[in-house]
Amino acid sequence: MEPKDLRVSDAEREHVGELLQRAVGQGMLSLGEFTERMDTVLAAKTRGDLNQVLVDLPGIQIRPEFQEQNLPGMSQAHYPAPSAAGFPAPSAAAFPATGQSAPLVIKGRVSGIERKGRWHVPPAVVLDTVASSVTLDFTEAVMQTQVVRIDVSDYLSSINIVLPAEATADVNGVENVASSVSSKVRGGAPYGPLHVVVTGKVRGGSFNVTHPLSTRLRKFFNGS
């Protein structure tokens, strides 16, 4: 059997998802292209299927621990044998196409801004804030897509993003100038109910991504 015909594990799917996420952060893929390729990743049966989503992405390297076996047709891209230790993959329906939904633009000037409860969230959110206090609580939000991109342009604000317990986030695309940017949630590929990709610039303020207090307390008392 050809190596490209070998079956893939959940761990391999997750790692390729991380590489696609990195490509989004580097501007090589749009959010729509990302969700389309993740559909392919989640439906992939063989290593040849996974190769399709990476072959045109220059500089995307698979981690050394994934270099036990070569996947033909991909330079320096290697995968381990399937393992039962991988993460469960959701169905492809968890990554619907983003469509043409307009981004939600949230502006604030020396004000308090809060979104919580069952508010409707499109695939993209734009934060344009100055000296404001902002809380975006996604724990009960109604999502159009599993992956949401937040583009932030801020001066001197305190911004808090609250995500559900199993959500993931990528804040590596945020440039901070005399400010703080932190995330207390899991990074990596979008395998939970929600994955947030944050880009933009924070100047003289703070940007924090966290779970609700109840989730943090539960993890603390459970020792996780």
N, C-alpha and C. Protein backbone atom coordinates (compact mmCIF):
# COMPACT_ATOMS: atom_id res chain seq x y z
N MET A 1 0.84 -1.20 0.00
CA MET A 1 0.00 0.00 0.00
C MET A 1 0.88 1.25 0.00
N GLU A 2 0.52 2.23 -0.82
CA GLU A 2 1.25 3.48 -0.87
C GLU A 2 1.05 4.26 0.43
N PRO A 3 2.11 4.98 0.92
CA PRO A 3 1.96 5.78 2.13
C PRO A 3 0.82 6.78 2.07
N LYS A 4 0.59 7.34 0.87
CA LYS A 4 -0.48 8.33 0.75
C LYS A 4 -1.86 7.72 0.93
N ASP A 5 -1.95 6.40 0.87
CA ASP A 5 -3.23 5.72 1.03
C ASP A 5 -3.48 5.25 2.46
N LEU A 6 -2.50 5.49 3.37
CA LEU A 6 -2.68 5.08 4.76
C LEU A 6 -3.74 5.94 5.43
N ARG A 7 -4.48 5.33 6.34
CA ARG A 7 -5.53 6.04 7.06
C ARG A 7 -4.92 7.03 8.05
N VAL A 8 -5.65 8.13 8.31
CA VAL A 8 -5.16 9.17 9.21
C VAL A 8 -5.83 9.07 10.57
N SER A 9 -5.14 9.57 11.59
CA SER A 9 -5.67 9.58 12.95
C SER A 9 -6.22 10.96 13.29
N ASP A 10 -6.94 11.05 14.41
CA ASP A 10 -7.44 12.33 14.88
C ASP A 10 -6.29 13.28 15.22
N ALA A 11 -5.18 12.72 15.75
CA ALA A 11 -4.03 13.56 16.08
C ALA A 11 -3.47 14.23 14.83
N GLU A 12 -3.43 13.50 13.71
CA GLU A 12 -2.95 14.08 12.46
C GLU A 12 -3.89 15.16 11.96
N ARG A 13 -5.20 14.92 12.06
CA ARG A 13 -6.16 15.94 11.64
C ARG A 13 -5.99 17.21 12.47
N GLU A 14 -5.82 17.05 13.79
CA GLU A 14 -5.68 18.21 14.65
C GLU A 14 -4.42 19.00 14.29
N HIS A 15 -3.33 18.30 14.03
CA HIS A 15 -2.09 19.01 13.72
C HIS A 15 -2.20 19.78 12.41
N VAL A 16 -2.82 19.19 11.40
CA VAL A 16 -3.01 19.91 10.14
C VAL A 16 -3.91 21.12 10.36
N GLY A 17 -4.92 20.98 11.24
CA GLY A 17 -5.75 22.13 11.59
C GLY A 17 -4.94 23.26 12.19
N GLU A 18 -3.94 22.93 13.03
CA GLU A 18 -3.07 23.94 13.62
C GLU A 18 -2.26 24.66 12.53
N LEU A 19 -1.79 23.89 11.54
CA LEU A 19 -1.02 24.50 10.46
C LEU A 19 -1.89 25.44 9.63
N LEU A 20 -3.14 25.07 9.39
CA LEU A 20 -4.03 25.95 8.64
C LEU A 20 -4.32 27.22 9.44
N GLN A 21 -4.47 27.07 10.75
CA GLN A 21 -4.69 28.23 11.60
C GLN A 21 -3.50 29.19 11.52
N ARG A 22 -2.29 28.62 11.51
CA ARG A 22 -1.09 29.45 11.37
C ARG A 22 -1.10 30.19 10.04
N ALA A 23 -1.54 29.50 8.99
CA ALA A 23 -1.60 30.13 7.67
C ALA A 23 -2.57 31.31 7.65
N VAL A 24 -3.67 31.20 8.40
CA VAL A 24 -4.60 32.33 8.53
C VAL A 24 -3.90 33.49 9.21
N GLY A 25 -3.20 33.22 10.30
CA GLY A 25 -2.50 34.27 11.03
C GLY A 25 -1.43 34.96 10.21
N GLN A 26 -0.85 34.25 9.22
CA GLN A 26 0.19 34.82 8.36
C GLN A 26 -0.38 35.45 7.10
N GLY A 27 -1.71 35.44 6.97
CA GLY A 27 -2.34 36.08 5.82
C GLY A 27 -2.34 35.26 4.55
N MET A 28 -1.97 33.98 4.63
CA MET A 28 -1.95 33.13 3.43
C MET A 28 -3.33 32.59 3.08
N LEU A 29 -4.21 32.51 4.09
CA LEU A 29 -5.57 32.02 3.85
C LEU A 29 -6.57 33.00 4.43
N SER A 30 -7.68 33.17 3.72
CA SER A 30 -8.79 33.94 4.28
C SER A 30 -9.57 33.04 5.23
N LEU A 31 -10.46 33.63 6.01
CA LEU A 31 -11.27 32.84 6.92
C LEU A 31 -12.15 31.85 6.15
N GLY A 32 -12.66 32.30 4.99
CA GLY A 32 -13.49 31.40 4.18
C GLY A 32 -12.69 30.21 3.66
N GLU A 33 -11.46 30.48 3.20
CA GLU A 33 -10.60 29.39 2.72
C GLU A 33 -10.24 28.45 3.86
N PHE A 34 -10.03 29.02 5.05
CA PHE A 34 -9.71 28.19 6.21
C PHE A 34 -10.84 27.21 6.50
N THR A 35 -12.08 27.69 6.54
CA THR A 35 -13.20 26.81 6.87
C THR A 35 -13.39 25.75 5.79
N GLU A 36 -13.19 26.12 4.52
CA GLU A 36 -13.31 25.13 3.43
C GLU A 36 -12.26 24.03 3.59
N ARG A 37 -11.03 24.42 3.91
CA ARG A 37 -9.97 23.42 4.05
C ARG A 37 -10.16 22.57 5.31
N MET A 38 -10.71 23.18 6.36
CA MET A 38 -10.99 22.39 7.54
C MET A 38 -12.08 21.36 7.27
N ASP A 39 -13.03 21.69 6.41
CA ASP A 39 -14.02 20.69 5.98
C ASP A 39 -13.31 19.47 5.40
N THR A 40 -12.29 19.73 4.54
CA THR A 40 -11.54 18.64 3.92
C THR A 40 -10.76 17.86 4.97
N VAL A 41 -10.14 18.58 5.93
CA VAL A 41 -9.36 17.92 6.98
C VAL A 41 -10.25 16.99 7.81
N LEU A 42 -11.40 17.48 8.21
CA LEU A 42 -12.28 16.69 9.08
C LEU A 42 -12.87 15.48 8.35
N ALA A 43 -12.98 15.58 7.02
CA ALA A 43 -13.51 14.47 6.25
C ALA A 43 -12.42 13.55 5.72
N ALA A 44 -11.14 13.92 5.95
CA ALA A 44 -10.02 13.18 5.37
C ALA A 44 -9.98 11.74 5.89
N LYS A 45 -9.77 10.81 4.99
CA LYS A 45 -9.62 9.40 5.33
C LYS A 45 -8.17 8.94 5.23
N THR A 46 -7.43 9.55 4.29
CA THR A 46 -6.05 9.12 4.02
C THR A 46 -5.10 10.31 4.11
N ARG A 47 -3.81 10.01 4.16
CA ARG A 47 -2.81 11.07 4.20
C ARG A 47 -2.77 11.86 2.89
N GLY A 48 -3.11 11.22 1.82
CA GLY A 48 -3.22 11.94 0.56
C GLY A 48 -4.30 13.01 0.61
N ASP A 49 -5.41 12.72 1.31
CA ASP A 49 -6.47 13.72 1.47
C ASP A 49 -5.95 14.93 2.24
N LEU A 50 -5.16 14.70 3.30
CA LEU A 50 -4.62 15.81 4.09
C LEU A 50 -3.63 16.63 3.29
N ASN A 51 -2.88 15.98 2.41
CA ASN A 51 -1.88 16.68 1.61
C ASN A 51 -2.51 17.78 0.76
N GLN A 52 -3.76 17.57 0.35
CA GLN A 52 -4.42 18.53 -0.55
C GLN A 52 -4.50 19.93 0.06
N VAL A 53 -4.63 20.04 1.37
CA VAL A 53 -4.87 21.35 1.98
C VAL A 53 -3.58 22.09 2.31
N LEU A 54 -2.42 21.45 2.14
CA LEU A 54 -1.16 22.07 2.55
C LEU A 54 -0.18 22.33 1.41
N VAL A 55 -0.37 21.69 0.26
CA VAL A 55 0.66 21.71 -0.78
C VAL A 55 0.96 23.11 -1.31
N ASP A 56 0.02 24.06 -1.24
CA ASP A 56 0.26 25.39 -1.80
C ASP A 56 0.59 26.43 -0.73
N LEU A 57 0.94 25.98 0.49
CA LEU A 57 1.23 26.91 1.58
C LEU A 57 2.74 26.91 1.86
N PRO A 58 3.47 27.89 1.33
CA PRO A 58 4.93 27.91 1.52
C PRO A 58 5.30 28.18 2.98
N GLY A 59 6.34 27.49 3.44
CA GLY A 59 6.87 27.74 4.76
C GLY A 59 6.11 27.10 5.90
N ILE A 60 5.03 26.38 5.61
CA ILE A 60 4.28 25.70 6.66
C ILE A 60 4.95 24.37 6.96
N GLN A 61 5.52 24.24 8.14
CA GLN A 61 6.31 23.07 8.49
C GLN A 61 5.60 22.26 9.58
N ILE A 62 5.58 20.97 9.42
CA ILE A 62 5.03 20.09 10.44
C ILE A 62 6.06 19.88 11.54
N ARG A 63 5.62 19.84 12.77
CA ARG A 63 6.52 19.74 13.92
C ARG A 63 7.39 18.48 13.84
N PRO A 64 8.59 18.52 14.45
CA PRO A 64 9.52 17.37 14.38
C PRO A 64 8.92 16.08 14.88
N GLU A 65 8.06 16.14 15.91
CA GLU A 65 7.49 14.90 16.44
C GLU A 65 6.53 14.23 15.46
N PHE A 66 6.19 14.94 14.36
CA PHE A 66 5.34 14.36 13.34
C PHE A 66 6.16 13.94 12.12
N GLN A 67 7.43 13.58 12.31
CA GLN A 67 8.30 13.31 11.19
C GLN A 67 8.73 11.85 11.09
N GLU A 68 7.91 10.94 11.57
CA GLU A 68 8.30 9.54 11.54
C GLU A 68 8.09 8.91 10.16
N GLN A 69 7.06 9.36 9.47
CA GLN A 69 6.78 8.79 8.16
C GLN A 69 6.50 9.92 7.18
N ASN A 70 7.01 9.77 5.96
CA ASN A 70 6.87 10.82 4.97
C ASN A 70 5.54 10.72 4.24
N LEU A 71 4.94 11.87 3.99
CA LEU A 71 3.74 11.95 3.16
C LEU A 71 4.16 12.40 1.77
N PRO A 72 4.10 11.54 0.75
CA PRO A 72 4.62 11.87 -0.58
C PRO A 72 4.01 13.15 -1.12
N GLY A 73 4.85 13.91 -1.80
CA GLY A 73 4.37 15.11 -2.47
C GLY A 73 4.41 16.34 -1.59
N MET A 74 4.85 16.23 -0.32
CA MET A 74 4.90 17.39 0.56
C MET A 74 6.31 17.53 1.11
N SER A 75 7.00 18.59 0.75
CA SER A 75 8.37 18.79 1.19
C SER A 75 8.43 18.98 2.69
N GLN A 76 9.29 18.17 3.36
CA GLN A 76 9.52 18.23 4.79
C GLN A 76 8.24 18.07 5.60
N ALA A 77 7.26 17.42 5.07
CA ALA A 77 6.01 17.21 5.80
C ALA A 77 5.85 15.75 6.10
N HIS A 78 5.84 15.39 7.38
CA HIS A 78 5.80 14.00 7.78
C HIS A 78 4.74 13.79 8.84
N TYR A 79 4.25 12.57 8.92
CA TYR A 79 3.18 12.24 9.85
C TYR A 79 3.51 10.96 10.60
N PRO A 80 3.07 10.83 11.85
CA PRO A 80 3.26 9.60 12.58
C PRO A 80 2.22 8.57 12.22
N ALA A 81 2.46 7.34 12.65
CA ALA A 81 1.43 6.32 12.45
C ALA A 81 0.20 6.68 13.26
N PRO A 82 -0.99 6.23 12.83
CA PRO A 82 -2.21 6.55 13.55
C PRO A 82 -2.11 6.13 15.01
N SER A 83 -2.69 6.96 15.89
CA SER A 83 -2.64 6.72 17.32
C SER A 83 -4.01 6.89 17.93
N ALA A 84 -4.32 6.07 18.93
CA ALA A 84 -5.60 6.18 19.60
C ALA A 84 -5.63 7.34 20.56
N ALA A 85 -4.49 8.05 20.72
CA ALA A 85 -4.43 9.14 21.68
C ALA A 85 -4.87 10.47 21.09
N GLY A 86 -5.39 10.50 19.86
CA GLY A 86 -5.79 11.74 19.23
C GLY A 86 -7.05 12.32 19.82
N PHE A 87 -7.40 13.51 19.36
CA PHE A 87 -8.60 14.18 19.81
C PHE A 87 -9.76 13.81 18.90
N PRO A 88 -10.99 13.69 19.43
CA PRO A 88 -12.13 13.37 18.59
C PRO A 88 -12.43 14.50 17.62
N ALA A 89 -12.64 14.15 16.37
CA ALA A 89 -12.92 15.17 15.37
C ALA A 89 -14.42 15.39 15.23
N PRO A 90 -14.85 16.65 15.19
CA PRO A 90 -16.27 16.91 14.96
C PRO A 90 -16.63 16.63 13.52
N SER A 91 -17.90 16.66 13.22
CA SER A 91 -18.34 16.45 11.85
C SER A 91 -18.02 17.68 11.02
N ALA A 92 -18.00 17.51 9.70
CA ALA A 92 -17.72 18.63 8.81
C ALA A 92 -18.76 19.71 8.94
N ALA A 93 -19.96 19.39 9.43
CA ALA A 93 -21.02 20.38 9.59
C ALA A 93 -20.65 21.43 10.62
N ALA A 94 -19.65 21.16 11.44
CA ALA A 94 -19.22 22.14 12.45
C ALA A 94 -18.45 23.29 11.83
N PHE A 95 -18.09 23.18 10.54
CA PHE A 95 -17.35 24.24 9.86
C PHE A 95 -18.11 24.70 8.62
N PRO A 96 -19.27 25.33 8.77
CA PRO A 96 -20.01 25.80 7.61
C PRO A 96 -19.29 26.93 6.92
N ALA A 97 -19.60 27.12 5.64
CA ALA A 97 -19.00 28.22 4.89
C ALA A 97 -19.43 29.55 5.50
N THR A 98 -18.54 30.54 5.45
CA THR A 98 -18.83 31.81 6.08
C THR A 98 -19.86 32.64 5.32
N GLY A 99 -20.03 32.39 4.03
CA GLY A 99 -21.01 33.14 3.27
C GLY A 99 -20.60 34.59 3.13
N GLN A 100 -21.61 35.47 2.95
CA GLN A 100 -21.35 36.88 2.71
C GLN A 100 -21.79 37.74 3.87
N SER A 101 -21.92 37.18 5.07
CA SER A 101 -22.36 37.95 6.23
C SER A 101 -21.42 39.11 6.49
N ALA A 102 -22.00 40.29 6.72
CA ALA A 102 -21.20 41.47 7.03
C ALA A 102 -20.65 41.35 8.44
N PRO A 103 -19.44 41.88 8.67
CA PRO A 103 -18.90 41.83 10.03
C PRO A 103 -19.70 42.70 10.99
N LEU A 104 -19.69 42.32 12.24
CA LEU A 104 -20.31 43.13 13.29
C LEU A 104 -19.29 44.15 13.75
N VAL A 105 -19.60 45.44 13.60
CA VAL A 105 -18.70 46.52 13.98
C VAL A 105 -19.15 47.08 15.33
N ILE A 106 -18.26 47.02 16.32
CA ILE A 106 -18.56 47.54 17.65
C ILE A 106 -17.61 48.69 17.93
N LYS A 107 -18.19 49.91 18.09
CA LYS A 107 -17.39 51.10 18.34
C LYS A 107 -17.67 51.64 19.74
N GLY A 108 -16.63 52.18 20.37
CA GLY A 108 -16.81 52.78 21.68
C GLY A 108 -15.77 53.86 21.93
N ARG A 109 -16.22 54.98 22.48
CA ARG A 109 -15.34 56.08 22.83
C ARG A 109 -15.62 56.48 24.28
N VAL A 110 -14.70 56.15 25.18
CA VAL A 110 -14.84 56.47 26.60
C VAL A 110 -16.20 55.96 27.09
N SER A 111 -16.46 54.70 26.90
CA SER A 111 -17.78 54.16 27.21
C SER A 111 -17.66 52.71 27.70
N GLY A 112 -18.78 52.19 28.19
CA GLY A 112 -18.86 50.79 28.59
C GLY A 112 -19.63 50.00 27.55
N ILE A 113 -19.04 48.90 27.09
CA ILE A 113 -19.67 48.09 26.05
C ILE A 113 -19.77 46.66 26.55
N GLU A 114 -20.94 46.06 26.41
CA GLU A 114 -21.13 44.68 26.85
C GLU A 114 -22.05 43.94 25.88
N ARG A 115 -21.63 42.75 25.51
CA ARG A 115 -22.47 41.84 24.73
C ARG A 115 -22.50 40.53 25.50
N LYS A 116 -23.68 40.09 25.87
CA LYS A 116 -23.80 38.85 26.62
C LYS A 116 -25.16 38.23 26.34
N GLY A 117 -25.38 37.04 26.89
CA GLY A 117 -26.65 36.35 26.62
C GLY A 117 -26.67 35.78 25.21
N ARG A 118 -27.85 35.73 24.61
CA ARG A 118 -28.01 35.12 23.28
C ARG A 118 -27.92 36.17 22.19
N TRP A 119 -26.76 36.82 22.11
CA TRP A 119 -26.54 37.77 21.04
C TRP A 119 -26.01 37.04 19.81
N HIS A 120 -26.32 37.58 18.64
CA HIS A 120 -25.98 36.90 17.39
C HIS A 120 -24.60 37.36 16.90
N VAL A 121 -23.76 36.37 16.58
CA VAL A 121 -22.36 36.64 16.22
C VAL A 121 -22.10 36.18 14.79
N PRO A 122 -21.73 37.09 13.89
CA PRO A 122 -21.35 36.70 12.53
C PRO A 122 -19.93 36.14 12.51
N PRO A 123 -19.43 35.69 11.36
CA PRO A 123 -18.07 35.13 11.30
C PRO A 123 -16.96 36.12 11.64
N ALA A 124 -17.24 37.43 11.54
CA ALA A 124 -16.20 38.43 11.81
C ALA A 124 -16.76 39.54 12.69
N VAL A 125 -15.95 39.97 13.66
CA VAL A 125 -16.30 41.07 14.56
C VAL A 125 -15.16 42.09 14.52
N VAL A 126 -15.52 43.38 14.39
CA VAL A 126 -14.54 44.46 14.38
C VAL A 126 -14.72 45.29 15.64
N LEU A 127 -13.65 45.42 16.42
CA LEU A 127 -13.66 46.25 17.63
C LEU A 127 -12.88 47.53 17.36
N ASP A 128 -13.55 48.67 17.44
CA ASP A 128 -12.94 49.98 17.23
C ASP A 128 -13.20 50.79 18.49
N THR A 129 -12.23 50.81 19.42
CA THR A 129 -12.49 51.34 20.75
C THR A 129 -11.38 52.28 21.23
N VAL A 130 -11.80 53.24 22.07
CA VAL A 130 -10.87 54.17 22.69
C VAL A 130 -11.30 54.38 24.14
N ALA A 131 -10.39 54.12 25.08
CA ALA A 131 -10.60 54.37 26.51
C ALA A 131 -11.96 53.83 26.98
N SER A 132 -12.25 52.61 26.63
CA SER A 132 -13.54 52.00 26.96
C SER A 132 -13.35 50.72 27.75
N SER A 133 -14.42 50.28 28.36
CA SER A 133 -14.45 48.99 29.04
C SER A 133 -15.34 48.07 28.23
N VAL A 134 -14.76 46.96 27.70
CA VAL A 134 -15.48 46.11 26.75
C VAL A 134 -15.51 44.68 27.27
N THR A 135 -16.70 44.08 27.27
CA THR A 135 -16.84 42.66 27.59
C THR A 135 -17.69 42.00 26.50
N LEU A 136 -17.11 41.02 25.83
CA LEU A 136 -17.84 40.21 24.85
C LEU A 136 -17.92 38.80 25.42
N ASP A 137 -19.13 38.40 25.82
CA ASP A 137 -19.34 37.11 26.46
C ASP A 137 -19.98 36.16 25.45
N PHE A 138 -19.22 35.13 25.03
CA PHE A 138 -19.68 34.20 24.00
C PHE A 138 -20.32 32.94 24.58
N THR A 139 -20.48 32.86 25.89
CA THR A 139 -20.90 31.60 26.49
C THR A 139 -22.31 31.18 26.08
N GLU A 140 -23.20 32.14 25.79
CA GLU A 140 -24.55 31.82 25.35
C GLU A 140 -24.86 32.41 23.98
N ALA A 141 -23.84 32.89 23.29
CA ALA A 141 -24.06 33.56 22.01
C ALA A 141 -24.55 32.59 20.94
N VAL A 142 -25.26 33.14 19.98
CA VAL A 142 -25.75 32.36 18.83
C VAL A 142 -24.77 32.56 17.69
N MET A 143 -24.05 31.47 17.33
CA MET A 143 -22.98 31.57 16.36
C MET A 143 -23.46 31.17 14.96
N GLN A 144 -22.94 31.88 13.95
CA GLN A 144 -23.16 31.47 12.57
C GLN A 144 -22.12 30.45 12.12
N THR A 145 -20.93 30.55 12.67
CA THR A 145 -19.83 29.65 12.33
C THR A 145 -19.09 29.26 13.60
N GLN A 146 -18.36 28.16 13.52
CA GLN A 146 -17.56 27.75 14.67
C GLN A 146 -16.35 28.66 14.86
N VAL A 147 -15.78 29.14 13.76
CA VAL A 147 -14.60 30.00 13.81
C VAL A 147 -15.03 31.45 13.65
N VAL A 148 -14.62 32.29 14.60
CA VAL A 148 -14.94 33.72 14.56
C VAL A 148 -13.63 34.51 14.59
N ARG A 149 -13.53 35.48 13.72
CA ARG A 149 -12.35 36.34 13.70
C ARG A 149 -12.70 37.68 14.32
N ILE A 150 -11.85 38.14 15.24
CA ILE A 150 -12.02 39.44 15.87
C ILE A 150 -10.85 40.32 15.46
N ASP A 151 -11.15 41.42 14.76
CA ASP A 151 -10.13 42.40 14.39
C ASP A 151 -10.27 43.59 15.32
N VAL A 152 -9.21 43.91 16.05
CA VAL A 152 -9.28 44.95 17.07
C VAL A 152 -8.35 46.11 16.75
N SER A 153 -8.88 47.32 16.93
CA SER A 153 -8.07 48.54 16.85
C SER A 153 -8.43 49.35 18.08
N ASP A 154 -7.52 49.39 19.03
CA ASP A 154 -7.87 49.96 20.34
C ASP A 154 -6.79 50.87 20.90
N TYR A 155 -7.25 51.90 21.62
CA TYR A 155 -6.40 52.78 22.40
C TYR A 155 -6.93 52.82 23.84
N LEU A 156 -6.10 52.41 24.80
CA LEU A 156 -6.34 52.67 26.22
C LEU A 156 -7.60 52.02 26.78
N SER A 157 -8.03 50.90 26.21
CA SER A 157 -9.24 50.23 26.69
C SER A 157 -8.92 48.96 27.45
N SER A 158 -9.90 48.48 28.19
CA SER A 158 -9.82 47.17 28.83
C SER A 158 -10.83 46.27 28.14
N ILE A 159 -10.33 45.24 27.44
CA ILE A 159 -11.19 44.37 26.63
C ILE A 159 -11.11 42.96 27.18
N ASN A 160 -12.26 42.40 27.48
CA ASN A 160 -12.33 41.04 28.01
C ASN A 160 -13.22 40.18 27.11
N ILE A 161 -12.68 39.08 26.64
CA ILE A 161 -13.41 38.12 25.81
C ILE A 161 -13.65 36.88 26.66
N VAL A 162 -14.91 36.50 26.85
CA VAL A 162 -15.26 35.35 27.68
C VAL A 162 -15.77 34.24 26.77
N LEU A 163 -15.11 33.08 26.82
CA LEU A 163 -15.44 31.98 25.91
C LEU A 163 -15.99 30.78 26.68
N PRO A 164 -16.79 29.94 26.01
CA PRO A 164 -17.30 28.71 26.64
C PRO A 164 -16.17 27.80 27.10
N ALA A 165 -16.51 26.85 27.94
CA ALA A 165 -15.50 26.01 28.60
C ALA A 165 -14.58 25.30 27.62
N GLU A 166 -15.10 24.78 26.50
CA GLU A 166 -14.29 23.99 25.58
C GLU A 166 -13.80 24.79 24.37
N ALA A 167 -13.97 26.11 24.40
CA ALA A 167 -13.57 26.94 23.27
C ALA A 167 -12.05 27.09 23.23
N THR A 168 -11.54 27.45 22.05
CA THR A 168 -10.12 27.70 21.87
C THR A 168 -9.91 29.09 21.27
N ALA A 169 -8.68 29.60 21.35
CA ALA A 169 -8.42 30.95 20.86
C ALA A 169 -6.98 31.08 20.38
N ASP A 170 -6.78 31.97 19.42
CA ASP A 170 -5.45 32.31 18.91
C ASP A 170 -5.30 33.82 18.98
N VAL A 171 -4.43 34.32 19.85
CA VAL A 171 -4.21 35.76 19.98
C VAL A 171 -2.84 36.16 19.45
N ASN A 172 -2.18 35.26 18.72
CA ASN A 172 -0.83 35.53 18.22
C ASN A 172 -0.79 36.63 17.18
N GLY A 173 -1.94 36.94 16.58
CA GLY A 173 -1.99 37.98 15.56
C GLY A 173 -2.22 39.37 16.11
N VAL A 174 -2.21 39.53 17.43
CA VAL A 174 -2.44 40.83 18.05
C VAL A 174 -1.10 41.52 18.32
N GLU A 175 -0.96 42.74 17.82
CA GLU A 175 0.22 43.55 18.12
C GLU A 175 -0.09 44.42 19.33
N ASN A 176 0.73 44.34 20.36
CA ASN A 176 0.48 45.16 21.54
C ASN A 176 1.56 46.21 21.71
N VAL A 177 1.12 47.44 21.90
CA VAL A 177 2.02 48.58 22.08
C VAL A 177 1.78 49.15 23.48
N ALA A 178 2.75 48.99 24.38
CA ALA A 178 2.62 49.45 25.76
C ALA A 178 1.32 48.94 26.37
N SER A 179 1.02 47.68 26.13
CA SER A 179 -0.24 47.10 26.58
C SER A 179 -0.02 45.64 26.93
N SER A 180 -1.09 44.98 27.36
CA SER A 180 -0.99 43.55 27.69
C SER A 180 -2.03 42.78 26.89
N VAL A 181 -1.61 41.62 26.40
CA VAL A 181 -2.50 40.71 25.68
C VAL A 181 -2.30 39.33 26.27
N SER A 182 -3.36 38.72 26.76
CA SER A 182 -3.23 37.40 27.38
C SER A 182 -4.42 36.53 27.04
N SER A 183 -4.17 35.22 27.05
CA SER A 183 -5.23 34.24 26.84
C SER A 183 -5.07 33.12 27.85
N LYS A 184 -6.14 32.83 28.56
CA LYS A 184 -6.12 31.76 29.55
C LYS A 184 -6.92 30.55 29.08
N VAL A 185 -7.19 30.49 27.78
CA VAL A 185 -7.90 29.35 27.22
C VAL A 185 -6.96 28.59 26.31
N ARG A 186 -7.33 27.40 25.96
CA ARG A 186 -6.50 26.55 25.12
C ARG A 186 -6.35 27.13 23.71
N GLY A 187 -5.13 27.04 23.19
CA GLY A 187 -4.90 27.43 21.81
C GLY A 187 -5.03 26.22 20.90
N GLY A 188 -4.37 26.27 19.75
CA GLY A 188 -4.38 25.12 18.86
C GLY A 188 -5.53 25.14 17.88
N ALA A 189 -5.77 23.99 17.29
CA ALA A 189 -6.77 23.88 16.23
C ALA A 189 -8.19 23.96 16.81
N PRO A 190 -9.15 24.38 15.97
CA PRO A 190 -10.53 24.56 16.44
C PRO A 190 -11.29 23.25 16.55
N TYR A 191 -11.17 22.56 17.67
CA TYR A 191 -11.87 21.30 17.88
C TYR A 191 -12.95 21.39 18.94
N GLY A 192 -13.22 22.58 19.47
CA GLY A 192 -14.29 22.75 20.44
C GLY A 192 -15.49 23.41 19.79
N PRO A 193 -16.43 23.92 20.62
CA PRO A 193 -17.63 24.54 20.07
C PRO A 193 -17.37 25.89 19.41
N LEU A 194 -16.23 26.51 19.76
CA LEU A 194 -15.93 27.85 19.23
C LEU A 194 -14.42 28.04 19.19
N HIS A 195 -13.94 28.64 18.10
CA HIS A 195 -12.53 29.01 17.98
C HIS A 195 -12.47 30.46 17.55
N VAL A 196 -11.75 31.28 18.32
CA VAL A 196 -11.64 32.71 18.05
C VAL A 196 -10.22 33.03 17.59
N VAL A 197 -10.12 33.71 16.46
CA VAL A 197 -8.84 34.17 15.93
C VAL A 197 -8.81 35.69 16.04
N VAL A 198 -7.87 36.22 16.82
CA VAL A 198 -7.81 37.65 17.08
C VAL A 198 -6.62 38.26 16.36
N THR A 199 -6.86 39.37 15.67
CA THR A 199 -5.81 40.11 14.99
C THR A 199 -5.99 41.59 15.28
N GLY A 200 -5.00 42.40 14.93
CA GLY A 200 -5.12 43.84 15.10
C GLY A 200 -4.09 44.41 16.04
N LYS A 201 -4.41 45.57 16.65
CA LYS A 201 -3.45 46.27 17.50
C LYS A 201 -4.13 46.82 18.74
N VAL A 202 -3.47 46.64 19.88
CA VAL A 202 -3.92 47.19 21.16
C VAL A 202 -2.84 48.15 21.65
N ARG A 203 -3.22 49.40 21.92
CA ARG A 203 -2.25 50.44 22.29
C ARG A 203 -2.59 50.96 23.70
N GLY A 204 -1.70 50.70 24.64
CA GLY A 204 -1.86 51.24 25.98
C GLY A 204 -3.03 50.69 26.76
N GLY A 205 -3.55 49.55 26.37
CA GLY A 205 -4.69 48.96 27.07
C GLY A 205 -4.42 47.52 27.44
N SER A 206 -5.49 46.77 27.61
CA SER A 206 -5.36 45.35 27.93
C SER A 206 -6.39 44.56 27.15
N PHE A 207 -5.99 43.35 26.73
CA PHE A 207 -6.88 42.46 25.98
C PHE A 207 -6.72 41.08 26.60
N ASN A 208 -7.82 40.54 27.14
CA ASN A 208 -7.77 39.27 27.85
C ASN A 208 -8.84 38.32 27.32
N VAL A 209 -8.44 37.07 27.13
CA VAL A 209 -9.37 36.01 26.73
C VAL A 209 -9.41 35.00 27.87
N THR A 210 -10.60 34.68 28.34
CA THR A 210 -10.70 33.80 29.49
C THR A 210 -12.00 33.01 29.44
N HIS A 211 -12.16 32.09 30.39
CA HIS A 211 -13.41 31.36 30.57
C HIS A 211 -14.24 32.05 31.66
N PRO A 212 -15.52 31.71 31.78
CA PRO A 212 -16.32 32.27 32.87
C PRO A 212 -15.74 31.89 34.22
N LEU A 213 -16.05 32.67 35.24
CA LEU A 213 -15.53 32.41 36.58
C LEU A 213 -15.90 31.01 37.06
N SER A 214 -17.12 30.57 36.75
CA SER A 214 -17.54 29.24 37.20
C SER A 214 -16.67 28.14 36.61
N THR A 215 -16.28 28.30 35.36
CA THR A 215 -15.41 27.32 34.71
C THR A 215 -14.02 27.34 35.33
N ARG A 216 -13.50 28.54 35.60
CA ARG A 216 -12.17 28.65 36.21
C ARG A 216 -12.15 28.04 37.61
N LEU A 217 -13.22 28.27 38.38
CA LEU A 217 -13.29 27.70 39.73
C LEU A 217 -13.37 26.18 39.69
N ARG A 218 -14.15 25.66 38.73
CA ARG A 218 -14.29 24.21 38.61
C ARG A 218 -12.95 23.58 38.26
N LYS A 219 -12.22 24.19 37.35
CA LYS A 219 -10.90 23.66 36.99
C LYS A 219 -9.94 23.74 38.17
N PHE A 220 -10.07 24.82 38.95
CA PHE A 220 -9.17 24.98 40.11
C PHE A 220 -9.42 23.88 41.14
N PHE A 221 -10.69 23.63 41.47
CA PHE A 221 -10.99 22.64 42.50
C PHE A 221 -10.78 21.21 41.99
N ASN A 222 -10.86 21.03 40.67
CA ASN A 222 -10.60 19.69 40.12
C ASN A 222 -9.12 19.47 39.88
N GLY A 223 -8.34 20.52 40.06
CA GLY A 223 -6.89 20.38 39.89
C GLY A 223 -6.46 20.28 38.45
N SER A 224 -7.31 20.76 37.50
CA SER A 224 -6.95 20.68 36.08
C SER A 224 -6.61 22.05 35.52
